[in-house]
Every structure is written in structure tokens, then in C-alpha cells.
Amino acid sequence: MVRFAILAVGLSALGFGPAAAQVRPEPKTEDITPKLLGTWQGPYQSETAPPGGIKLVIAMEGAVWKVTLAVVSEQPIDAAEVRDFKVEGNEITWIQDIMDMECKTLAHLTAVSTLTGGTECSQGGTVAITATFVLLKQ
């Protein structure tokens, strides 16, 4: 019994105690903000919209995102300001009203200079347009 007690004390001193006492730090995610800042351009593809391109400009003023997005198309497109721009890990999201539709976008930084993603535009609660894009940093 004495040997068991000595062994137990020795093992706990080496860190072999109960698992609940062990705390693992959460992995730190890289801040991709510096990689996002700048101008991004590229085409979008959609089965429900004419072909065109996107010009996305991402900047910061202090801790506030300043983002503009223009849709380049043969048809004039009425687009409001980008809102709710968020970066969580490698995922970027934003909302923009385009031609009386609310468009929600999800993008990923897939390489140092490539953003890929998709947009879903809804009107009256019904999805009206979907598109995918690949943007390159200029």
C-alpha cells in the first residue's frame, strides 16, 4: 500500500494526474487583417445574372472597417454600402443591398492574394440570385 501511495504521488508530480487538471491552450488564429487590406478584383459567375466582375476595396480607419464593393457589369447595378463586414479566422462575411435585394457573402482567404466565395441575394425572403467569385489582390 505504501508503494502505491509513493507511486501515485510520483506520477502526479510528473503531470500524470487527473485529465481535468490539465488545461490545453486554444490554438491562436492568425490575424489576416494586413493580408486583406487593399483592392481585390475578379470575375463572378452566376446562372441567374449576366456575367461581370467585382471590385472590392478593403481599408481600416482606426479599428473600423471601411469597405466598398462595386459590381462591374454591362447593365448598371444599384448597390448600397457594405455593412456588417466581419473577419473570423480565415472567414470573411459581409452584407450589401444590391438592386433592392439583401446580399449575404461568405469568402475565404485561400492564398495570400486570393479571395474565393459566394453571394446569395434574397428578395422578400426568397433567394433570387446566387453567385461565386474569385478575387485577386491588385
C-alpha atoms as a PDB file:
ATOM      1  CA  MET A   1       0.000   0.000   0.000  1.00  0.00           C
ATOM      2  CA  VAL A   2       2.872   2.340   0.832  1.00  0.00           C
ATOM      3  CA  ARG A   3       4.451   1.628  -2.558  1.00  0.00           C
ATOM      4  CA  PHE A   4       1.156   2.521  -4.307  1.00  0.00           C
ATOM      5  CA  ALA A   5       0.929   5.828  -2.423  1.00  0.00           C
ATOM      6  CA  ILE A   6       4.536   6.703  -3.309  1.00  0.00           C
ATOM      7  CA  LEU A   7       3.939   5.760  -6.951  1.00  0.00           C
ATOM      8  CA  ALA A   8       0.742   7.847  -7.099  1.00  0.00           C
ATOM      9  CA  VAL A   9       2.478  10.904  -5.616  1.00  0.00           C
ATOM     10  CA  GLY A  10       5.409  10.468  -8.006  1.00  0.00           C
ATOM     11  CA  LEU A  11       3.191  10.152 -11.087  1.00  0.00           C
ATOM     12  CA  SER A  12       1.074  13.160 -10.139  1.00  0.00           C
ATOM     13  CA  ALA A  13       4.256  15.205  -9.687  1.00  0.00           C
ATOM     14  CA  LEU A  14       5.233  14.263 -13.244  1.00  0.00           C
ATOM     15  CA  GLY A  15       1.930  15.502 -14.630  1.00  0.00           C
ATOM     16  CA  PHE A  16       0.073  12.192 -14.805  1.00  0.00           C
ATOM     17  CA  GLY A  17      -2.743  13.419 -12.579  1.00  0.00           C
ATOM     18  CA  PRO A  18      -6.417  13.620 -13.488  1.00  0.00           C
ATOM     19  CA  ALA A  19      -7.167  14.881 -17.036  1.00  0.00           C
ATOM     20  CA  ALA A  20      -9.481  17.579 -15.679  1.00  0.00           C
ATOM     21  CA  ALA A  21      -6.487  19.334 -14.136  1.00  0.00           C
ATOM     22  CA  GLN A  22      -4.767  19.631 -17.500  1.00  0.00           C
ATOM     23  CA  VAL A  23      -5.639  22.732 -19.496  1.00  0.00           C
ATOM     24  CA  ARG A  24      -4.648  22.996 -23.135  1.00  0.00           C
ATOM     25  CA  PRO A  25      -4.383  26.473 -24.594  1.00  0.00           C
ATOM     26  CA  GLU A  26      -6.616  27.152 -27.570  1.00  0.00           C
ATOM     27  CA  PRO A  27      -4.699  27.388 -30.832  1.00  0.00           C
ATOM     28  CA  LYS A  28      -4.069  31.001 -31.776  1.00  0.00           C
ATOM     29  CA  THR A  29      -5.549  32.066 -35.110  1.00  0.00           C
ATOM     30  CA  GLU A  30      -3.540  34.328 -37.351  1.00  0.00           C
ATOM     31  CA  ASP A  31      -4.780  37.902 -37.790  1.00  0.00           C
ATOM     32  CA  ILE A  32      -5.315  38.142 -41.560  1.00  0.00           C
ATOM     33  CA  THR A  33      -6.210  41.850 -41.483  1.00  0.00           C
ATOM     34  CA  PRO A  34      -2.929  43.001 -43.104  1.00  0.00           C
ATOM     35  CA  LYS A  35      -3.421  40.477 -45.906  1.00  0.00           C
ATOM     36  CA  LEU A  36      -6.967  41.724 -46.590  1.00  0.00           C
ATOM     37  CA  LEU A  37      -6.216  45.445 -46.839  1.00  0.00           C
ATOM     38  CA  GLY A  38      -6.142  46.701 -50.415  1.00  0.00           C
ATOM     39  CA  THR A  39      -8.009  46.329 -53.705  1.00  0.00           C
ATOM     40  CA  TRP A  40      -9.351  42.988 -54.919  1.00  0.00           C
ATOM     41  CA  GLN A  41     -10.751  42.328 -58.392  1.00  0.00           C
ATOM     42  CA  GLY A  42     -12.054  39.402 -60.362  1.00  0.00           C
ATOM     43  CA  PRO A  43     -14.993  37.824 -62.147  1.00  0.00           C
ATOM     44  CA  TYR A  44     -18.158  36.385 -60.685  1.00  0.00           C
ATOM     45  CA  GLN A  45     -20.173  33.507 -62.094  1.00  0.00           C
ATOM     46  CA  SER A  46     -23.923  33.110 -61.805  1.00  0.00           C
ATOM     47  CA  GLU A  47     -26.634  31.128 -63.521  1.00  0.00           C
ATOM     48  CA  THR A  48     -29.169  33.868 -62.750  1.00  0.00           C
ATOM     49  CA  ALA A  49     -27.234  37.072 -63.503  1.00  0.00           C
ATOM     50  CA  PRO A  50     -25.322  38.386 -66.515  1.00  0.00           C
ATOM     51  CA  PRO A  51     -21.532  37.925 -66.371  1.00  0.00           C
ATOM     52  CA  GLY A  52     -19.432  40.595 -64.772  1.00  0.00           C
ATOM     53  CA  GLY A  53     -16.765  41.435 -62.268  1.00  0.00           C
ATOM     54  CA  ILE A  54     -16.291  42.634 -58.727  1.00  0.00           C
ATOM     55  CA  LYS A  55     -14.028  45.345 -57.357  1.00  0.00           C
ATOM     56  CA  LEU A  56     -13.664  45.119 -53.576  1.00  0.00           C
ATOM     57  CA  VAL A  57     -11.678  47.725 -51.642  1.00  0.00           C
ATOM     58  CA  ILE A  58     -10.867  46.901 -48.011  1.00  0.00           C
ATOM     59  CA  ALA A  59      -9.400  49.522 -45.681  1.00  0.00           C
ATOM     60  CA  MET A  60      -9.402  50.371 -41.988  1.00  0.00           C
ATOM     61  CA  GLU A  61      -9.715  53.678 -40.191  1.00  0.00           C
ATOM     62  CA  GLY A  62      -8.513  53.014 -36.680  1.00  0.00           C
ATOM     63  CA  ALA A  63     -10.350  49.823 -35.693  1.00  0.00           C
ATOM     64  CA  VAL A  64     -13.250  50.372 -38.111  1.00  0.00           C
ATOM     65  CA  TRP A  65     -13.524  48.544 -41.435  1.00  0.00           C
ATOM     66  CA  LYS A  66     -14.091  50.744 -44.493  1.00  0.00           C
ATOM     67  CA  VAL A  67     -15.199  48.502 -47.344  1.00  0.00           C
ATOM     68  CA  THR A  68     -16.617  49.299 -50.768  1.00  0.00           C
ATOM     69  CA  LEU A  69     -17.773  46.823 -53.373  1.00  0.00           C
ATOM     70  CA  ALA A  70     -18.690  47.629 -56.954  1.00  0.00           C
ATOM     71  CA  VAL A  71     -20.276  45.174 -59.365  1.00  0.00           C
ATOM     72  CA  VAL A  72     -18.936  45.719 -62.870  1.00  0.00           C
ATOM     73  CA  SER A  73     -21.466  44.673 -65.498  1.00  0.00           C
ATOM     74  CA  GLU A  74     -22.845  45.729 -68.878  1.00  0.00           C
ATOM     75  CA  GLN A  75     -26.049  46.655 -67.045  1.00  0.00           C
ATOM     76  CA  PRO A  76     -25.901  49.442 -64.438  1.00  0.00           C
ATOM     77  CA  ILE A  77     -26.234  47.940 -60.952  1.00  0.00           C
ATOM     78  CA  ASP A  78     -27.505  49.935 -57.992  1.00  0.00           C
ATOM     79  CA  ALA A  79     -25.535  48.854 -54.899  1.00  0.00           C
ATOM     80  CA  ALA A  80     -25.543  50.250 -51.363  1.00  0.00           C
ATOM     81  CA  GLU A  81     -22.647  50.365 -48.905  1.00  0.00           C
ATOM     82  CA  VAL A  82     -21.151  47.175 -47.495  1.00  0.00           C
ATOM     83  CA  ARG A  83     -22.269  46.576 -43.905  1.00  0.00           C
ATOM     84  CA  ASP A  84     -21.578  44.030 -41.164  1.00  0.00           C
ATOM     85  CA  PHE A  85     -18.089  43.267 -42.527  1.00  0.00           C
ATOM     86  CA  LYS A  86     -16.550  40.647 -40.228  1.00  0.00           C
ATOM     87  CA  VAL A  87     -13.365  38.606 -40.152  1.00  0.00           C
ATOM     88  CA  GLU A  88     -13.263  35.451 -38.036  1.00  0.00           C
ATOM     89  CA  GLY A  89     -10.164  33.367 -38.566  1.00  0.00           C
ATOM     90  CA  ASN A  90      -9.882  32.816 -42.313  1.00  0.00           C
ATOM     91  CA  GLU A  91     -13.586  33.552 -42.940  1.00  0.00           C
ATOM     92  CA  ILE A  92     -14.857  36.927 -44.162  1.00  0.00           C
ATOM     93  CA  THR A  93     -18.547  37.867 -44.257  1.00  0.00           C
ATOM     94  CA  TRP A  94     -20.498  40.964 -45.242  1.00  0.00           C
ATOM     95  CA  ILE A  95     -23.926  42.165 -46.326  1.00  0.00           C
ATOM     96  CA  GLN A  96     -24.783  44.577 -49.110  1.00  0.00           C
ATOM     97  CA  ASP A  97     -28.075  45.668 -50.661  1.00  0.00           C
ATOM     98  CA  ILE A  98     -27.965  45.326 -54.440  1.00  0.00           C
ATOM     99  CA  MET A  99     -30.943  46.222 -56.646  1.00  0.00           C
ATOM    100  CA  ASP A 100     -33.445  46.025 -53.743  1.00  0.00           C
ATOM    101  CA  MET A 101     -32.091  42.637 -52.607  1.00  0.00           C
ATOM    102  CA  GLU A 102     -30.162  41.787 -49.448  1.00  0.00           C
ATOM    103  CA  CYS A 103     -26.966  40.016 -50.493  1.00  0.00           C
ATOM    104  CA  LYS A 104     -25.007  37.988 -47.944  1.00  0.00           C
ATOM    105  CA  THR A 105     -21.460  36.997 -48.795  1.00  0.00           C
ATOM    106  CA  LEU A 106     -19.114  34.411 -47.333  1.00  0.00           C
ATOM    107  CA  ALA A 107     -15.488  34.424 -48.513  1.00  0.00           C
ATOM    108  CA  HIS A 108     -12.220  32.757 -47.564  1.00  0.00           C
ATOM    109  CA  LEU A 109      -8.654  33.886 -47.982  1.00  0.00           C
ATOM    110  CA  THR A 110      -7.354  30.817 -49.818  1.00  0.00           C
ATOM    111  CA  ALA A 111      -3.891  32.154 -50.583  1.00  0.00           C
ATOM    112  CA  VAL A 112      -2.001  35.326 -49.738  1.00  0.00           C
ATOM    113  CA  SER A 113      -3.569  37.091 -52.719  1.00  0.00           C
ATOM    114  CA  THR A 114      -6.788  35.142 -53.483  1.00  0.00           C
ATOM    115  CA  LEU A 115     -10.292  35.540 -52.038  1.00  0.00           C
ATOM    116  CA  THR A 116     -12.887  32.948 -53.043  1.00  0.00           C
ATOM    117  CA  GLY A 117     -16.506  32.966 -52.032  1.00  0.00           C
ATOM    118  CA  GLY A 118     -20.159  33.105 -52.792  1.00  0.00           C
ATOM    119  CA  THR A 119     -23.060  35.513 -52.511  1.00  0.00           C
ATOM    120  CA  GLU A 120     -26.740  34.817 -52.010  1.00  0.00           C
ATOM    121  CA  CYS A 121     -29.206  37.634 -52.743  1.00  0.00           C
ATOM    122  CA  SER A 122     -32.725  37.438 -51.351  1.00  0.00           C
ATOM    123  CA  GLN A 123     -35.840  39.445 -52.013  1.00  0.00           C
ATOM    124  CA  GLY A 124     -38.935  39.039 -49.869  1.00  0.00           C
ATOM    125  CA  GLY A 125     -37.362  36.055 -48.088  1.00  0.00           C
ATOM    126  CA  THR A 126     -36.749  34.148 -51.343  1.00  0.00           C
ATOM    127  CA  VAL A 127     -33.297  33.581 -52.832  1.00  0.00           C
ATOM    128  CA  ALA A 128     -33.294  35.335 -56.207  1.00  0.00           C
ATOM    129  CA  ILE A 129     -29.614  35.301 -57.242  1.00  0.00           C
ATOM    130  CA  THR A 130     -26.554  33.289 -56.270  1.00  0.00           C
ATOM    131  CA  ALA A 131     -23.025  33.877 -57.487  1.00  0.00           C
ATOM    132  CA  THR A 132     -19.497  32.660 -56.845  1.00  0.00           C
ATOM    133  CA  PHE A 133     -16.302  34.640 -57.280  1.00  0.00           C
ATOM    134  CA  VAL A 134     -12.525  34.543 -57.251  1.00  0.00           C
ATOM    135  CA  LEU A 135     -10.831  37.854 -56.476  1.00  0.00           C
ATOM    136  CA  LEU A 136      -7.127  38.577 -56.793  1.00  0.00           C
ATOM    137  CA  LYS A 137      -5.323  41.239 -54.810  1.00  0.00           C
ATOM    138  CA  GLN A 138      -4.176  44.058 -57.073  1.00  0.00           C
END
